[in-house]
Amino acid sequence: MSDGDHRAMVSAMRSPLALVTLACMFGFGLGTASAQAVGQAVTRPTASQVQVILSQYEEAPTAEQLRRMGPDTLRVLISLYDEERTPAYVRLRVLSAVRHYATPATRTFLLAVLRLPNQSDLHQRQALLSLASAFGDGARVEIARSLSSQHPVVREAAGRALRRIGTAAARRLIVEHGARERDPGVRRTFNEELRR
């Protein structure tokens, strides 16, 4: 374990996402080792480099921009989200950016955002959309759980995420929950999603 990994692990222990961060970090070493094994240059982006890219005013970074930063970028993204000083808009961009990494670590991280207390409804919303983008129908069951959220924004996002998945089973969930939904705004969103 490098000094940087050790510092990140100690930092993670003070955070609500500590166990998730540690679990994700365990899997990250494999990507670096794989890159070294095939002779690729291994770069380690810093948190400040990644934060600069995430802070662009007009647009979020593309998958290609993130991949060029190297195999440790996902680890840095997750640790940025976990850092209390990271601005909320950058944390939202982190949740969007991780969709470009369809890995078990990404799935664990996004599910933690949905399950842990004190995560804003907007962060949960983006986590749902990223789950759908990264894992498609493989995330349908986890996304469907959010159809019962106490937050209307989260329920709407679950409907949008299921529509993006686009399978018959995902659409059926929108129809079933739409029939029971009491919030007129959420019902309207479900109906709009079904018409797409």
Foldseek 3Di string as FASTA:
>chain_A
DDPVLVVLLVVLVVFLCNVLLVVLVVVLVVQQVVCVVVPHDAAADALVVQLVQLPDDPDHDDLVVQVVRHSCSLSSLLSLLRDPPRDPSSVLSSLQNLLSPLDPSLVSSLLCLCPTPPRDLSSVLSSLQSCCSNPQPVCLVVLLVQCPPPDLSSVLSSLLSLLSSPDPVSLVSLVVSLVVDDDPVSVVSSVVSNVD
